[in-house]
Each structure stands twice: as C-alpha cells, then as structure tokens.
Protein backbone atom coordinates (compact mmCIF):
# COMPACT_ATOMS: atom_id res chain seq x y z
CA UNK A 1 2.24 25.77 13.00
CA UNK A 2 3.36 26.57 9.44
CA UNK A 3 3.38 23.33 7.46
CA UNK A 4 4.30 22.18 3.98
CA UNK A 5 2.52 18.91 3.23
CA UNK A 6 3.92 16.34 0.81
CA UNK A 7 1.72 13.45 -0.32
CA UNK A 8 0.09 12.05 -3.43
CA UNK A 9 -2.54 9.24 -3.21
CA UNK A 10 -5.91 9.02 -1.50
CA UNK A 11 -4.17 7.54 1.56
CA UNK A 12 -2.48 10.91 2.17
CA UNK A 13 -5.65 12.99 2.05
CA UNK A 14 -6.77 11.97 5.54
CA UNK A 15 -3.64 13.47 7.09
CA UNK A 16 -3.93 16.70 5.08
CA UNK A 17 -7.55 17.06 6.25
CA UNK A 18 -6.54 16.38 9.85
CA UNK A 19 -3.81 19.03 9.76
CA UNK A 20 -6.26 21.64 8.50
CA UNK A 21 -8.93 20.64 11.02
CA UNK A 22 -6.39 20.85 13.83
CA UNK A 23 -5.84 24.53 13.00
CA UNK A 24 -2.42 24.28 11.39
CA UNK A 25 -1.52 26.61 8.55
CA UNK A 26 -0.77 24.46 5.51
CA UNK A 27 1.23 26.90 3.39
CA UNK A 28 1.70 24.63 0.37
CA UNK A 29 1.22 21.10 -0.87
CA UNK A 30 3.72 19.11 -2.92
CA UNK A 31 2.54 16.04 -4.82
CA UNK A 32 3.46 13.94 -7.85
CA UNK A 33 2.70 15.32 -11.33
CA UNK A 34 -0.63 14.52 -12.99
CA UNK A 35 -0.52 11.14 -14.74
CA UNK A 36 -2.49 9.40 -17.51
CA UNK A 37 -4.98 6.90 -16.07
CA UNK A 38 -7.03 4.08 -17.56
CA UNK A 39 -7.20 2.64 -21.04
CA UNK A 40 -7.88 6.04 -22.54
CA UNK A 41 -4.86 7.48 -20.69
CA UNK A 42 -6.75 10.50 -19.40
CA UNK A 43 -4.47 12.94 -17.59
CA UNK A 44 -5.61 12.84 -13.96
CA UNK A 45 -4.66 14.90 -10.92
CA UNK A 46 -3.60 13.06 -7.73
CA UNK A 47 -6.21 12.99 -4.94
CA UNK A 48 -4.07 15.22 -2.71
CA UNK A 49 -3.95 17.91 -5.40
CA UNK A 50 -7.70 17.78 -5.88
CA UNK A 51 -8.37 18.22 -2.17
CA UNK A 52 -5.70 20.90 -1.68
CA UNK A 53 -7.06 23.02 -4.51
CA UNK A 54 -10.57 22.68 -3.06
CA UNK A 55 -9.14 24.19 0.13
CA UNK A 56 -7.40 26.99 -1.74
CA UNK A 57 -3.92 25.72 -0.96
CA UNK A 58 -1.09 26.32 -3.43
CA UNK A 59 0.03 23.07 -5.08
CA UNK A 60 3.48 22.29 -6.51
CA UNK A 61 4.21 19.22 -8.63
CA UNK A 62 7.94 19.17 -9.37
CA UNK A 63 9.46 16.23 -11.19
CA UNK A 64 12.27 16.33 -8.64
CA UNK A 65 13.05 17.99 -5.31
CA UNK A 66 16.76 18.11 -6.14
CA UNK A 67 16.47 21.29 -8.20
CA UNK A 68 17.38 24.75 -6.93
CA UNK A 69 13.87 25.88 -7.86
CA UNK A 70 12.22 23.40 -5.49
CA UNK A 71 14.65 24.30 -2.72
CA UNK A 72 14.07 28.03 -3.12
CA UNK A 73 10.29 27.59 -3.04
CA UNK A 74 10.53 25.77 0.27
CA UNK A 75 13.11 28.16 1.66
CA UNK A 76 10.86 31.14 0.91
CA UNK A 77 7.88 29.44 2.57
CA UNK A 78 10.02 28.80 5.67
CA UNK A 79 7.80 26.08 7.19
CA UNK A 80 8.15 24.99 10.80
CA UNK A 81 7.85 21.40 9.64
CA UNK A 82 7.40 19.41 6.44
CA UNK A 83 4.89 16.59 6.82
CA UNK A 84 5.32 13.69 4.39
CA UNK A 85 2.80 10.89 3.84
CA UNK A 86 3.13 8.62 0.80
CA UNK A 87 4.67 11.34 -1.34
CA UNK A 88 6.71 9.01 -3.54
CA UNK A 89 9.89 11.08 -3.87
CA UNK A 90 13.12 11.20 -1.89
CA UNK A 91 13.85 14.43 -0.04
CA UNK A 92 17.46 15.64 -0.43
CA UNK A 93 19.41 16.48 2.72
CA UNK A 94 19.29 20.25 2.24
CA UNK A 95 15.49 20.09 2.28
CA UNK A 96 15.42 17.73 5.26
CA UNK A 97 17.35 20.30 7.29
CA UNK A 98 15.36 23.32 6.08
CA UNK A 99 12.35 23.40 8.48
CA UNK A 100 12.83 24.44 12.10
CA UNK A 101 11.52 21.08 13.33
CA UNK A 102 12.71 19.04 10.38
CA UNK A 103 10.54 16.64 8.37
CA UNK A 104 8.01 14.21 9.85
CA UNK A 105 7.04 11.13 7.86
CA UNK A 106 3.90 9.05 8.42
CA UNK A 107 4.91 5.49 7.48
CA UNK A 108 2.42 2.61 7.31
CA UNK A 109 4.22 0.02 9.41
CA UNK A 110 5.70 -0.47 12.85
CA UNK A 111 9.24 0.63 12.09
CA UNK A 112 11.87 -0.68 11.68
CA UNK A 113 9.77 -3.50 10.22
CA UNK A 114 8.67 -3.06 6.59
CA UNK A 115 10.65 -0.04 5.56
CA UNK A 116 10.11 0.93 1.93
CA UNK A 117 7.39 1.45 -0.62
CA UNK A 118 4.68 -1.18 0.03
CA UNK A 119 4.43 -2.01 3.74
CA UNK A 120 0.65 -2.47 3.85
CA UNK A 121 0.51 -5.10 1.12
CA UNK A 122 3.52 -7.06 2.34
CA UNK A 123 2.23 -7.20 5.91
CA UNK A 124 -0.84 -9.07 4.62
CA UNK A 125 1.06 -11.21 2.10
CA UNK A 126 3.44 -12.31 4.86
CA UNK A 127 0.57 -13.28 7.16
CA UNK A 128 1.12 -10.64 9.84
CA UNK A 129 -1.55 -10.35 12.52
CA UNK A 130 -0.58 -6.81 13.48
CA UNK A 131 0.75 -3.72 11.78
CA UNK A 132 0.46 0.00 12.44
CA UNK A 133 1.76 3.44 11.60
CA UNK A 134 4.91 5.23 12.65
CA UNK A 135 5.71 8.92 12.64
CA UNK A 136 9.45 9.28 12.22
CA UNK A 137 11.90 12.14 12.01
CA UNK A 138 13.18 11.86 8.46
CA UNK A 139 16.89 11.51 7.73
CA UNK A 140 18.83 10.71 4.56
CA UNK A 141 18.01 6.99 4.75
CA UNK A 142 14.83 5.25 3.62
CA UNK A 143 12.55 5.13 6.67
CA UNK A 144 15.55 5.00 9.01
CA UNK A 145 14.92 8.12 11.10
CA UNK A 146 14.15 8.34 14.82
CA UNK A 147 10.70 7.14 15.89
CA UNK A 148 8.44 9.90 17.24
CA UNK A 149 5.27 7.87 17.71
CA UNK A 150 3.67 4.51 16.91
CA UNK A 151 0.07 3.30 16.82
CA UNK A 152 -0.54 -0.44 16.40
CA UNK A 153 -3.45 -1.92 14.46
CA UNK A 154 -4.79 -5.49 14.29
CA UNK A 155 -4.98 -7.12 10.86
CA UNK A 156 -8.29 -8.96 10.62
CA UNK A 157 -8.30 -12.47 9.18
CA UNK A 158 -10.34 -11.34 6.16
CA UNK A 159 -8.48 -8.04 5.69
CA UNK A 160 -7.43 -7.06 2.18
CA UNK A 161 -4.98 -4.32 1.34
CA UNK A 162 -7.72 -1.87 0.30
CA UNK A 163 -9.50 -2.04 3.66
CA UNK A 164 -6.22 -1.86 5.56
CA UNK A 165 -5.17 1.21 3.55
CA UNK A 166 -8.39 2.94 4.59
CA UNK A 167 -8.01 1.96 8.24
CA UNK A 168 -4.38 3.04 8.49
CA UNK A 169 -4.92 6.35 6.70
CA UNK A 170 -7.17 7.50 9.56
CA UNK A 171 -4.85 6.16 12.25
CA UNK A 172 -1.87 7.84 10.57
CA UNK A 173 -3.68 11.18 10.42
CA UNK A 174 -4.51 11.07 14.13
CA UNK A 175 -0.97 10.11 15.08
CA UNK A 176 0.53 12.91 13.00
CA UNK A 177 -1.67 15.54 14.68
CA UNK A 178 -0.77 14.10 18.09
CA UNK A 179 2.95 14.17 17.23
CA UNK A 180 2.83 17.77 16.02
CA UNK A 181 1.15 18.79 19.28
CA UNK A 182 3.99 17.17 21.21
CA UNK A 183 6.49 18.97 18.98
CA UNK A 184 4.82 22.31 19.70
CA UNK A 185 5.01 21.61 23.43
CA UNK A 186 8.61 20.39 23.34
CA UNK A 187 7.46 16.94 24.49
CA UNK A 188 8.91 14.72 21.75
CA UNK A 189 10.94 11.70 22.82
CA UNK A 190 12.80 10.43 19.71
CA UNK A 191 13.77 6.76 19.77
CA UNK A 192 16.52 5.27 17.60
CA UNK A 193 15.48 2.39 15.38
CA UNK A 194 16.93 -1.04 16.08
CA UNK A 195 18.72 -1.95 12.86
CA UNK A 196 18.79 -5.62 13.86
CA UNK A 197 14.98 -5.70 13.58
CA UNK A 198 14.78 -3.91 10.23
CA UNK A 199 13.08 -5.44 7.20
CA UNK A 200 12.19 -4.06 3.79
CA UNK A 201 8.94 -3.95 1.79
CA UNK A 202 9.98 -3.76 -1.87
CA UNK A 203 8.06 -2.08 -4.66
CA UNK A 204 5.39 -4.45 -5.96
CA UNK A 205 5.39 -5.61 -9.57
CA UNK A 206 2.65 -7.45 -11.45
CA UNK A 207 4.88 -10.53 -11.74
CA UNK A 208 4.92 -10.88 -7.94
CA UNK A 209 1.19 -11.66 -8.01
CA UNK A 210 1.61 -14.90 -9.98
CA UNK A 211 0.36 -17.76 -7.80
CA UNK A 212 2.64 -20.71 -7.12
CA UNK A 213 0.28 -23.53 -6.15
CA UNK A 214 3.21 -25.50 -4.76
CA UNK A 215 3.08 -23.19 -1.75
CA UNK A 216 0.83 -23.81 1.26
CA UNK A 217 -2.83 -22.86 0.90
CA UNK A 218 -2.72 -20.22 3.63
CA UNK A 219 0.26 -18.48 1.96
CA UNK A 220 -1.69 -18.36 -1.29
CA UNK A 221 -4.74 -16.94 0.48
CA UNK A 222 -2.54 -14.23 2.02
CA UNK A 223 -1.12 -13.39 -1.41
CA UNK A 224 -4.65 -13.00 -2.77
CA UNK A 225 -5.63 -10.75 0.16
CA UNK A 226 -2.50 -8.63 0.02
CA UNK A 227 -2.63 -7.97 -3.71
CA UNK A 228 -6.35 -7.08 -3.78
CA UNK A 229 -7.05 -4.73 -5.50
CA UNK A 230 -3.62 -4.31 -7.16
CA UNK A 231 -1.89 -5.98 -8.87
CA UNK A 232 -4.34 -8.88 -8.18
CA UNK A 233 -3.16 -12.48 -7.73
CA UNK A 234 -3.43 -14.59 -10.88
CA UNK A 235 -2.73 -17.88 -12.60
CA UNK A 236 -3.54 -19.21 -16.09
CA UNK A 237 -6.50 -21.25 -17.34
CA UNK A 238 -6.34 -22.51 -20.92
CA UNK A 239 -3.69 -19.91 -21.68
CA UNK A 240 -5.76 -17.00 -20.37
CA UNK A 241 -4.94 -15.01 -17.26
CA UNK A 242 -7.32 -15.80 -14.41
CA UNK A 243 -7.34 -13.08 -11.75
CA UNK A 244 -8.27 -14.19 -8.25
CA UNK A 245 -9.71 -11.51 -5.96
CA UNK A 246 -10.92 -13.83 -3.23
CA UNK A 247 -10.48 -17.37 -1.95
CA UNK A 248 -10.83 -19.48 1.19
CA UNK A 249 -8.87 -22.42 2.58
CA UNK A 250 -10.96 -25.57 2.84
CA UNK A 251 -10.55 -29.30 2.36
CA UNK A 252 -7.62 -31.58 1.57
CA UNK A 253 -6.38 -33.35 -1.54
CA UNK A 254 -3.53 -35.57 -2.67
CA UNK A 255 -3.73 -34.17 -6.21
CA UNK A 256 -0.83 -32.33 -7.80
CA UNK A 257 -0.56 -28.67 -6.88
CA UNK A 258 -2.72 -26.45 -9.09
CA UNK A 259 -5.22 -29.20 -9.95
CA UNK A 260 -8.93 -28.44 -9.80
CA UNK A 261 -10.34 -31.11 -7.47
CA UNK A 262 -13.96 -29.93 -7.19
CA UNK A 263 -15.44 -28.37 -10.31
CA UNK A 264 -18.57 -27.32 -8.43
CA UNK A 265 -16.75 -25.10 -5.92
CA UNK A 266 -13.51 -24.42 -7.82
CA UNK A 267 -11.38 -26.08 -5.16
CA UNK A 268 -7.70 -26.19 -6.16
CA UNK A 269 -5.02 -28.40 -4.60
CA UNK A 270 -2.02 -26.66 -3.01
CA UNK A 271 1.46 -27.80 -2.10
CA UNK A 272 0.69 -28.62 1.54
CA UNK A 273 -2.17 -31.00 0.76
CA UNK A 274 -4.83 -28.41 1.52
CA UNK A 275 -7.08 -26.66 -0.98
CA UNK A 276 -8.14 -23.15 -1.75
CA UNK A 277 -11.63 -22.47 -3.01
CA UNK A 278 -11.80 -19.66 -5.53
CA UNK A 279 -14.67 -17.30 -4.71
CA UNK A 280 -14.11 -14.07 -6.66
CA UNK A 281 -12.48 -14.28 -10.10
CA UNK A 282 -12.06 -12.63 -13.48
CA UNK A 283 -10.99 -14.46 -16.62
CA UNK A 284 -9.03 -12.46 -19.17
CA UNK A 285 -11.45 -10.69 -21.52
CA UNK A 286 -14.38 -11.12 -19.14
CA UNK A 287 -15.99 -9.44 -16.16
CA UNK A 288 -15.14 -9.88 -12.51
CA UNK A 289 -17.72 -12.14 -10.85
CA UNK A 290 -18.27 -14.72 -8.16
CA UNK A 291 -17.01 -18.20 -8.95
CA UNK A 292 -20.62 -19.39 -8.56
CA UNK A 293 -21.77 -17.12 -11.37
CA UNK A 294 -18.71 -17.91 -13.48
CA UNK A 295 -19.43 -21.63 -13.34
CA UNK A 296 -22.95 -21.07 -14.68
CA UNK A 297 -21.41 -20.19 -18.03
CA UNK A 298 -18.15 -22.11 -18.13
CA UNK A 299 -16.88 -25.23 -16.41
CA UNK A 300 -13.36 -25.77 -15.15
CA UNK A 301 -13.44 -29.58 -14.91
CA UNK A 302 -11.84 -31.78 -12.29
CA UNK A 303 -8.27 -32.61 -13.24
CA UNK A 304 -7.71 -29.31 -15.03
CA UNK A 305 -4.41 -27.74 -13.92
CA UNK A 306 -4.23 -24.00 -13.34
CA UNK A 307 -0.76 -23.11 -14.57
CA UNK A 308 1.94 -20.50 -14.02
CA UNK A 309 2.56 -19.90 -17.70
CA UNK A 310 0.84 -18.90 -20.93
CA UNK A 311 1.47 -22.14 -22.80
CA UNK A 312 -1.76 -23.04 -24.59
CA UNK A 313 -0.53 -26.47 -25.61
C-alpha cells in the first residue's frame, strides 16, 4: 500500500517502523519543522525525521498543510492512505479526502474519551485504571471520526506518563498495521463515536502542574505521575520551585494542607487528612535526587508549609 506518514515525536517512530516492516511503501513523511532545544537552543530535528532519513524516505516539514504547495505535493504522491500519529497539525478537508482510503489517525485513548492533544497524561492525572489506542478515520473534527479499531491497555498503579507513552506507542503501531490489513481486504467496520461519552484532554501548560495540597493525597500522587517527566509537578519551598518527580501516599495528619509533618521522610499533609511522602525531588538551582539524599544536605523542618506561590516573606 502506498502511504504518506505524518508524525513528529518519538512516540510516532514505532508506527513508522511497523509500516515499513509490514512491507508498505512509505512514499513520504511529513513532520513538524526542526526546533531549538535546550538551554543552548540547538536546532534539532524531530525523531520521525531522523528515522525517516535513515531509511531514505523523503521528508517534508511545512509550517502549514493549508498551502497549495502542500496539497500539490500530496496530490502528486497519490497515496492510498495517509497515516497520522501525533503529527501536531490539523489536516484541511481537501487533504482528508485526497487518499483513496482517506486518512487514518492513531490516537492514544479509547475514543471518544480524551479527545485532544494530551490524552496519555490526563488519563493518569485523572486516576484512570485503563486507557488504550484508537485508530480512527479522520474527519474535519478533532478526533471525532469513525472508529476503525481499539486496543485497551491497563494503567499500572505506579505508571508515569513516560512509561505509558512507550507502552502505547508499540500498541498503536500494531493496531495501525492490523487496521491497514483490514482496509486492504475490505474488512473494515467503521463505528460512529458516541458524542454523549466524549471528553477532552486539553494541551498541558506548566501552570497546570502546580500542586494544590488542599486536594486529596491520591489526586496529588496522580498529578505527580501524570506530569512526569513534563512539565513536572511542583510547589514552592522558601520561595524556590520544588519539582516533585515521585511520591507515595502514606500516613495521616490533622495539620494544615501543605505542612511538612515528618522532616525525616518529607511527609506532607493533604486536604483529605492523608499525607504524601516526597521521594524524588529537585529544588530550583539544584540537581534531581532522592528525598533521602536531599535531606542529607538540607532540612525541611516539621511545620514548614510548602506553598503555591513565590512569596519569600
């Protein structure tokens, strides 16, 4: 099958590899433009571009797919299908209708739940026990097209977004290959999404990772898990940002929310009377380390309140 693949991050690479290994002819790859990365702002190619060029596949990086140039490139390629996995751009209707089989999107949730940009993180933040991947026939809406296939995946109790990304990338690749085989054999059975069950996973901002200790301990633990390793849950200690990469729920306390109640384990009171114990932290200007190692050099005494603001007073 003649395929144009559209994807950008490392998550997408697994599907591109699977398409090639399944014997499909990937005629071109579209991904986001190179972007500056890190403190030195070094211009860096997306992982999909790096892999595609290693395979000798032509790569296009348009700023927009709404131009005549982008449309003409795709029209001249004349793909049977466009496969989209975490591309990061909206496909206009004239491109959606261009391939013989249309456009198939690999989305990292069980649609119609968690439509949108960040379904993996929000599934963990919201305490879900199960998620999955959906291959859908793309239409002009955002993740609203007919469902072509679903694979469900359990979310482990200690799962963080990074590990779930890795797990789902493989599952998504397998499901896409399976769906394309069904398409070749005329065996697809599209299912309309139930709009009454739809929910949305909004784009994540750094501000969303600020911990509110008035919330229940388990909700805070889920926030920490879901935002590891970006944007990383945080609070403030003596006016400095304290990033929290890991924590557990243990013990109870009547202290005000945000109060350190055990300086030896960094147990912090939460709004439901339970505590979280900080296990993996990074204070602004310092290195990431275990709380055990952190406390060897600096104490956070009982009664200290971890705040939601930068007030040093």
